[in-house]
């Protein structure tokens, strides 16, 4: 499995996207803090975090007895640059504008 595949797999699940949103809002959260935001068992949240870690989207740091989770936005940016950015070029935007204009006329 490639790095891109791991990132897409991780982002395919709404719970994992929600966890990333939580970490975007405030990084350095413990498993207990993240678990409190979801109606899911601790084990279930830990499994989702493991998938995010394997994709490189979450980095874990130990602080004493606590395990803190941090968002790593680099893999998402790499996906953006490779798969999304090229579709926002001028000529593609012009085609979308043309499509919208034609749909408005009909």
N, C-alpha and C. Protein backbone atom coordinates (compact mmCIF):
# COMPACT_ATOMS: atom_id res chain seq x y z
N UNK A 1 0.85 -1.18 0.00
CA UNK A 1 0.00 0.00 0.00
C UNK A 1 0.90 1.24 0.00
N UNK A 2 0.60 2.18 -0.87
CA UNK A 2 1.40 3.41 -0.96
C UNK A 2 0.98 4.41 0.12
N UNK A 3 1.78 5.45 0.29
CA UNK A 3 1.45 6.50 1.25
C UNK A 3 0.12 7.16 0.89
N UNK A 4 -0.09 7.43 -0.41
CA UNK A 4 -1.35 8.03 -0.85
C UNK A 4 -2.53 7.12 -0.49
N UNK A 5 -2.36 5.82 -0.69
CA UNK A 5 -3.43 4.87 -0.37
C UNK A 5 -3.78 4.92 1.11
N UNK A 6 -2.76 4.99 1.96
CA UNK A 6 -2.99 5.06 3.41
C UNK A 6 -3.75 6.33 3.79
N UNK A 7 -3.38 7.44 3.16
CA UNK A 7 -4.04 8.72 3.46
C UNK A 7 -5.49 8.68 3.00
N UNK A 8 -5.72 8.19 1.77
CA UNK A 8 -7.10 8.11 1.27
C UNK A 8 -7.94 7.16 2.13
N UNK A 9 -7.36 6.04 2.54
CA UNK A 9 -8.07 5.09 3.40
C UNK A 9 -8.43 5.76 4.72
N UNK A 10 -7.48 6.49 5.29
CA UNK A 10 -7.73 7.16 6.57
C UNK A 10 -8.81 8.23 6.44
N UNK A 11 -8.79 8.97 5.35
CA UNK A 11 -9.75 10.05 5.15
C UNK A 11 -11.13 9.55 4.71
N UNK A 12 -11.21 8.29 4.31
CA UNK A 12 -12.48 7.75 3.82
C UNK A 12 -13.52 7.57 4.93
N UNK A 13 -13.07 7.56 6.18
CA UNK A 13 -13.98 7.31 7.30
C UNK A 13 -14.35 8.62 7.99
N UNK A 14 -15.65 8.83 8.21
CA UNK A 14 -16.11 10.09 8.81
C UNK A 14 -15.64 10.26 10.26
N UNK A 15 -15.50 9.18 11.00
CA UNK A 15 -15.00 9.27 12.37
C UNK A 15 -13.57 9.76 12.39
N UNK A 16 -12.76 9.25 11.47
CA UNK A 16 -11.36 9.68 11.42
C UNK A 16 -11.26 11.14 10.98
N UNK A 17 -12.11 11.55 10.04
CA UNK A 17 -12.11 12.96 9.65
C UNK A 17 -12.51 13.84 10.83
N UNK A 18 -13.46 13.38 11.63
CA UNK A 18 -13.89 14.12 12.82
C UNK A 18 -12.73 14.24 13.81
N UNK A 19 -11.98 13.16 14.00
CA UNK A 19 -10.82 13.21 14.90
C UNK A 19 -9.79 14.21 14.39
N UNK A 20 -9.58 14.25 13.09
CA UNK A 20 -8.65 15.24 12.52
C UNK A 20 -9.16 16.66 12.75
N UNK A 21 -10.46 16.86 12.61
CA UNK A 21 -11.04 18.18 12.89
C UNK A 21 -10.82 18.58 14.34
N UNK A 22 -10.98 17.63 15.25
CA UNK A 22 -10.74 17.92 16.67
C UNK A 22 -9.29 18.33 16.92
N UNK A 23 -8.37 17.61 16.27
CA UNK A 23 -6.95 17.93 16.45
C UNK A 23 -6.58 19.23 15.76
N UNK A 24 -7.27 19.56 14.69
CA UNK A 24 -7.04 20.84 14.03
C UNK A 24 -7.45 21.98 14.96
N UNK A 25 -8.58 21.79 15.65
CA UNK A 25 -9.09 22.82 16.56
C UNK A 25 -8.16 23.01 17.76
N UNK A 26 -7.65 21.89 18.27
CA UNK A 26 -6.72 21.97 19.41
C UNK A 26 -5.88 20.71 19.44
N UNK A 27 -4.61 20.89 19.22
CA UNK A 27 -3.69 19.75 19.19
C UNK A 27 -3.27 19.36 20.60
N UNK A 28 -2.59 18.23 20.68
CA UNK A 28 -2.07 17.76 21.95
C UNK A 28 -3.13 17.15 22.84
N UNK A 29 -4.09 16.47 22.24
CA UNK A 29 -5.17 15.86 23.01
C UNK A 29 -4.83 14.42 23.36
N UNK A 30 -5.31 13.99 24.50
CA UNK A 30 -5.14 12.60 24.93
C UNK A 30 -6.25 11.75 24.33
N UNK A 31 -6.07 10.45 24.42
CA UNK A 31 -7.10 9.52 23.96
C UNK A 31 -8.39 9.75 24.74
N UNK A 32 -8.28 10.01 26.03
CA UNK A 32 -9.47 10.25 26.86
C UNK A 32 -10.23 11.48 26.37
N UNK A 33 -9.51 12.56 26.05
CA UNK A 33 -10.16 13.77 25.54
C UNK A 33 -10.87 13.51 24.22
N UNK A 34 -10.21 12.79 23.33
CA UNK A 34 -10.80 12.50 22.03
C UNK A 34 -12.00 11.57 22.17
N UNK A 35 -11.87 10.59 23.05
CA UNK A 35 -12.95 9.64 23.28
C UNK A 35 -14.20 10.34 23.81
N UNK A 36 -14.02 11.36 24.63
CA UNK A 36 -15.16 12.07 25.21
C UNK A 36 -16.00 12.79 24.17
N UNK A 37 -15.44 13.03 22.99
CA UNK A 37 -16.15 13.72 21.91
C UNK A 37 -16.94 12.77 21.00
N UNK A 38 -16.77 11.47 21.22
CA UNK A 38 -17.40 10.47 20.35
C UNK A 38 -18.23 9.50 21.17
N UNK A 39 -19.27 8.98 20.56
CA UNK A 39 -20.06 7.92 21.18
C UNK A 39 -19.49 6.59 20.70
N UNK A 40 -18.33 6.25 21.27
CA UNK A 40 -17.59 5.08 20.83
C UNK A 40 -16.72 4.63 21.99
N UNK A 41 -16.37 3.37 22.00
CA UNK A 41 -15.51 2.87 23.06
C UNK A 41 -14.10 3.41 22.91
N UNK A 42 -13.37 3.38 23.99
CA UNK A 42 -11.97 3.80 23.99
C UNK A 42 -11.18 2.98 22.97
N UNK A 43 -11.45 1.68 22.93
CA UNK A 43 -10.78 0.79 21.99
C UNK A 43 -11.06 1.19 20.55
N UNK A 44 -12.31 1.54 20.27
CA UNK A 44 -12.69 1.97 18.91
C UNK A 44 -11.97 3.23 18.49
N UNK A 45 -11.90 4.21 19.39
CA UNK A 45 -11.18 5.45 19.08
C UNK A 45 -9.70 5.17 18.87
N UNK A 46 -9.14 4.30 19.70
CA UNK A 46 -7.72 3.94 19.57
C UNK A 46 -7.44 3.30 18.22
N UNK A 47 -8.36 2.46 17.75
CA UNK A 47 -8.18 1.83 16.44
C UNK A 47 -8.18 2.88 15.32
N UNK A 48 -9.08 3.85 15.41
CA UNK A 48 -9.12 4.92 14.41
C UNK A 48 -7.84 5.75 14.45
N UNK A 49 -7.37 6.05 15.64
CA UNK A 49 -6.12 6.82 15.77
C UNK A 49 -4.94 6.05 15.20
N UNK A 50 -4.95 4.74 15.34
CA UNK A 50 -3.87 3.90 14.80
C UNK A 50 -3.82 4.02 13.27
N UNK A 51 -4.99 4.01 12.63
CA UNK A 51 -5.05 4.15 11.17
C UNK A 51 -4.51 5.53 10.76
N UNK A 52 -4.88 6.57 11.52
CA UNK A 52 -4.40 7.92 11.24
C UNK A 52 -2.89 8.02 11.44
N UNK A 53 -2.38 7.36 12.45
CA UNK A 53 -0.93 7.35 12.69
C UNK A 53 -0.21 6.64 11.54
N UNK A 54 -0.73 5.50 11.12
CA UNK A 54 -0.10 4.74 10.03
C UNK A 54 -0.09 5.52 8.73
N UNK A 55 -1.06 6.40 8.55
CA UNK A 55 -1.12 7.25 7.35
C UNK A 55 -0.25 8.49 7.51
N UNK A 56 0.29 8.71 8.69
CA UNK A 56 1.13 9.87 8.94
C UNK A 56 0.35 11.14 9.22
N UNK A 57 -0.96 11.01 9.41
CA UNK A 57 -1.81 12.18 9.65
C UNK A 57 -1.83 12.60 11.11
N UNK A 58 -1.46 11.70 11.99
CA UNK A 58 -1.40 11.98 13.42
C UNK A 58 -0.04 11.55 13.93
N UNK A 59 0.55 12.41 14.74
CA UNK A 59 1.84 12.13 15.38
C UNK A 59 1.59 12.07 16.88
N UNK A 60 2.21 11.10 17.53
CA UNK A 60 2.03 10.92 18.96
C UNK A 60 3.31 11.31 19.69
N UNK A 61 3.14 12.05 20.77
CA UNK A 61 4.27 12.43 21.63
C UNK A 61 3.89 12.05 23.06
N UNK A 62 4.85 11.51 23.77
CA UNK A 62 4.63 11.18 25.18
C UNK A 62 5.03 12.37 26.03
N UNK A 63 4.21 12.63 27.02
CA UNK A 63 4.48 13.67 28.01
C UNK A 63 4.22 13.05 29.37
N UNK A 64 5.27 12.53 29.98
CA UNK A 64 5.09 11.80 31.22
C UNK A 64 4.31 10.53 30.95
N UNK A 65 3.21 10.37 31.65
CA UNK A 65 2.37 9.18 31.46
C UNK A 65 1.34 9.36 30.36
N UNK A 66 1.22 10.57 29.85
CA UNK A 66 0.21 10.86 28.82
C UNK A 66 0.78 10.68 27.42
N UNK A 67 -0.10 10.27 26.54
CA UNK A 67 0.21 10.14 25.12
C UNK A 67 -0.61 11.22 24.41
N UNK A 68 0.06 12.21 23.85
CA UNK A 68 -0.62 13.34 23.21
C UNK A 68 -0.63 13.16 21.69
N UNK A 69 -1.75 13.51 21.08
CA UNK A 69 -1.93 13.35 19.64
C UNK A 69 -1.92 14.71 18.96
N UNK A 70 -1.17 14.79 17.87
CA UNK A 70 -1.02 16.03 17.11
C UNK A 70 -1.33 15.77 15.64
N UNK A 71 -1.93 16.75 15.01
CA UNK A 71 -2.23 16.69 13.58
C UNK A 71 -0.96 16.95 12.78
N UNK A 72 -0.75 16.13 11.76
CA UNK A 72 0.32 16.36 10.80
C UNK A 72 -0.34 16.64 9.45
N UNK A 73 -0.42 17.91 9.03
CA UNK A 73 -1.14 18.24 7.80
C UNK A 73 -0.36 17.97 6.51
N UNK A 74 0.89 17.59 6.60
CA UNK A 74 1.73 17.42 5.40
C UNK A 74 1.15 16.39 4.43
N UNK A 75 0.74 15.19 4.88
CA UNK A 75 0.18 14.23 3.90
C UNK A 75 -1.05 14.76 3.18
N UNK A 76 -1.88 15.53 3.87
CA UNK A 76 -3.07 16.09 3.21
C UNK A 76 -2.64 17.11 2.16
N UNK A 77 -1.62 17.89 2.48
CA UNK A 77 -1.12 18.88 1.51
C UNK A 77 -0.54 18.19 0.28
N UNK A 78 0.17 17.09 0.49
CA UNK A 78 0.73 16.35 -0.65
C UNK A 78 -0.38 15.80 -1.54
N UNK A 79 -1.45 15.31 -0.94
CA UNK A 79 -2.61 14.84 -1.71
C UNK A 79 -3.21 16.02 -2.48
N UNK A 80 -3.36 17.15 -1.81
CA UNK A 80 -3.91 18.35 -2.44
C UNK A 80 -3.07 18.73 -3.66
N UNK A 81 -1.76 18.80 -3.47
CA UNK A 81 -0.88 19.23 -4.56
C UNK A 81 -0.93 18.26 -5.74
N UNK A 82 -1.03 16.96 -5.45
CA UNK A 82 -1.00 15.98 -6.54
C UNK A 82 -2.36 15.78 -7.19
N UNK A 83 -3.44 15.73 -6.41
CA UNK A 83 -4.72 15.31 -6.93
C UNK A 83 -5.76 16.42 -7.06
N UNK A 84 -5.63 17.48 -6.31
CA UNK A 84 -6.68 18.50 -6.32
C UNK A 84 -6.23 19.76 -7.03
N UNK A 85 -5.05 20.22 -6.73
CA UNK A 85 -4.56 21.49 -7.26
C UNK A 85 -4.56 21.52 -8.79
N UNK A 86 -4.19 20.41 -9.41
CA UNK A 86 -4.13 20.42 -10.88
C UNK A 86 -5.51 20.57 -11.52
N UNK A 87 -6.57 20.26 -10.77
CA UNK A 87 -7.92 20.41 -11.30
C UNK A 87 -8.50 21.80 -11.05
N UNK A 88 -7.75 22.64 -10.40
CA UNK A 88 -8.21 24.01 -10.16
C UNK A 88 -7.50 25.00 -11.08
N UNK A 89 -6.82 24.47 -12.07
CA UNK A 89 -6.14 25.34 -13.02
C UNK A 89 -7.16 26.18 -13.77
N UNK A 90 -6.66 27.22 -14.41
CA UNK A 90 -7.53 28.18 -15.09
C UNK A 90 -8.48 27.56 -16.10
N UNK A 91 -7.96 26.67 -16.96
CA UNK A 91 -8.82 26.13 -18.01
C UNK A 91 -9.92 25.23 -17.45
N UNK A 92 -9.65 24.54 -16.37
CA UNK A 92 -10.69 23.72 -15.74
C UNK A 92 -11.72 24.64 -15.09
N UNK A 93 -11.27 25.69 -14.44
CA UNK A 93 -12.19 26.66 -13.84
C UNK A 93 -13.06 27.30 -14.92
N UNK A 94 -12.49 27.57 -16.09
CA UNK A 94 -13.26 28.16 -17.18
C UNK A 94 -14.34 27.19 -17.66
N UNK A 95 -14.04 25.92 -17.73
CA UNK A 95 -15.04 24.93 -18.14
C UNK A 95 -16.18 24.83 -17.12
N UNK A 96 -15.84 24.89 -15.86
CA UNK A 96 -16.87 24.87 -14.81
C UNK A 96 -17.75 26.11 -14.92
N UNK A 97 -17.14 27.27 -15.14
CA UNK A 97 -17.91 28.51 -15.32
C UNK A 97 -18.85 28.40 -16.52
N UNK A 98 -18.35 27.83 -17.63
CA UNK A 98 -19.17 27.65 -18.82
C UNK A 98 -20.33 26.71 -18.54
N UNK A 99 -20.07 25.61 -17.88
CA UNK A 99 -21.12 24.65 -17.51
C UNK A 99 -22.20 25.34 -16.67
N UNK A 100 -21.78 26.08 -15.67
CA UNK A 100 -22.74 26.79 -14.80
C UNK A 100 -23.56 27.81 -15.59
N UNK A 101 -22.92 28.54 -16.49
CA UNK A 101 -23.63 29.52 -17.30
C UNK A 101 -24.66 28.85 -18.20
N UNK A 102 -24.29 27.74 -18.82
CA UNK A 102 -25.23 27.03 -19.69
C UNK A 102 -26.40 26.45 -18.91
N UNK A 103 -26.12 25.97 -17.71
CA UNK A 103 -27.22 25.43 -16.88
C UNK A 103 -28.17 26.52 -16.43
N UNK A 104 -27.66 27.71 -16.20
CA UNK A 104 -28.51 28.83 -15.78
C UNK A 104 -29.43 29.27 -16.91
N UNK A 105 -28.94 29.18 -18.16
CA UNK A 105 -29.74 29.58 -19.32
C UNK A 105 -30.92 28.63 -19.55
N UNK A 106 -30.74 27.37 -19.24
CA UNK A 106 -31.81 26.41 -19.54
C UNK A 106 -32.81 26.27 -18.44
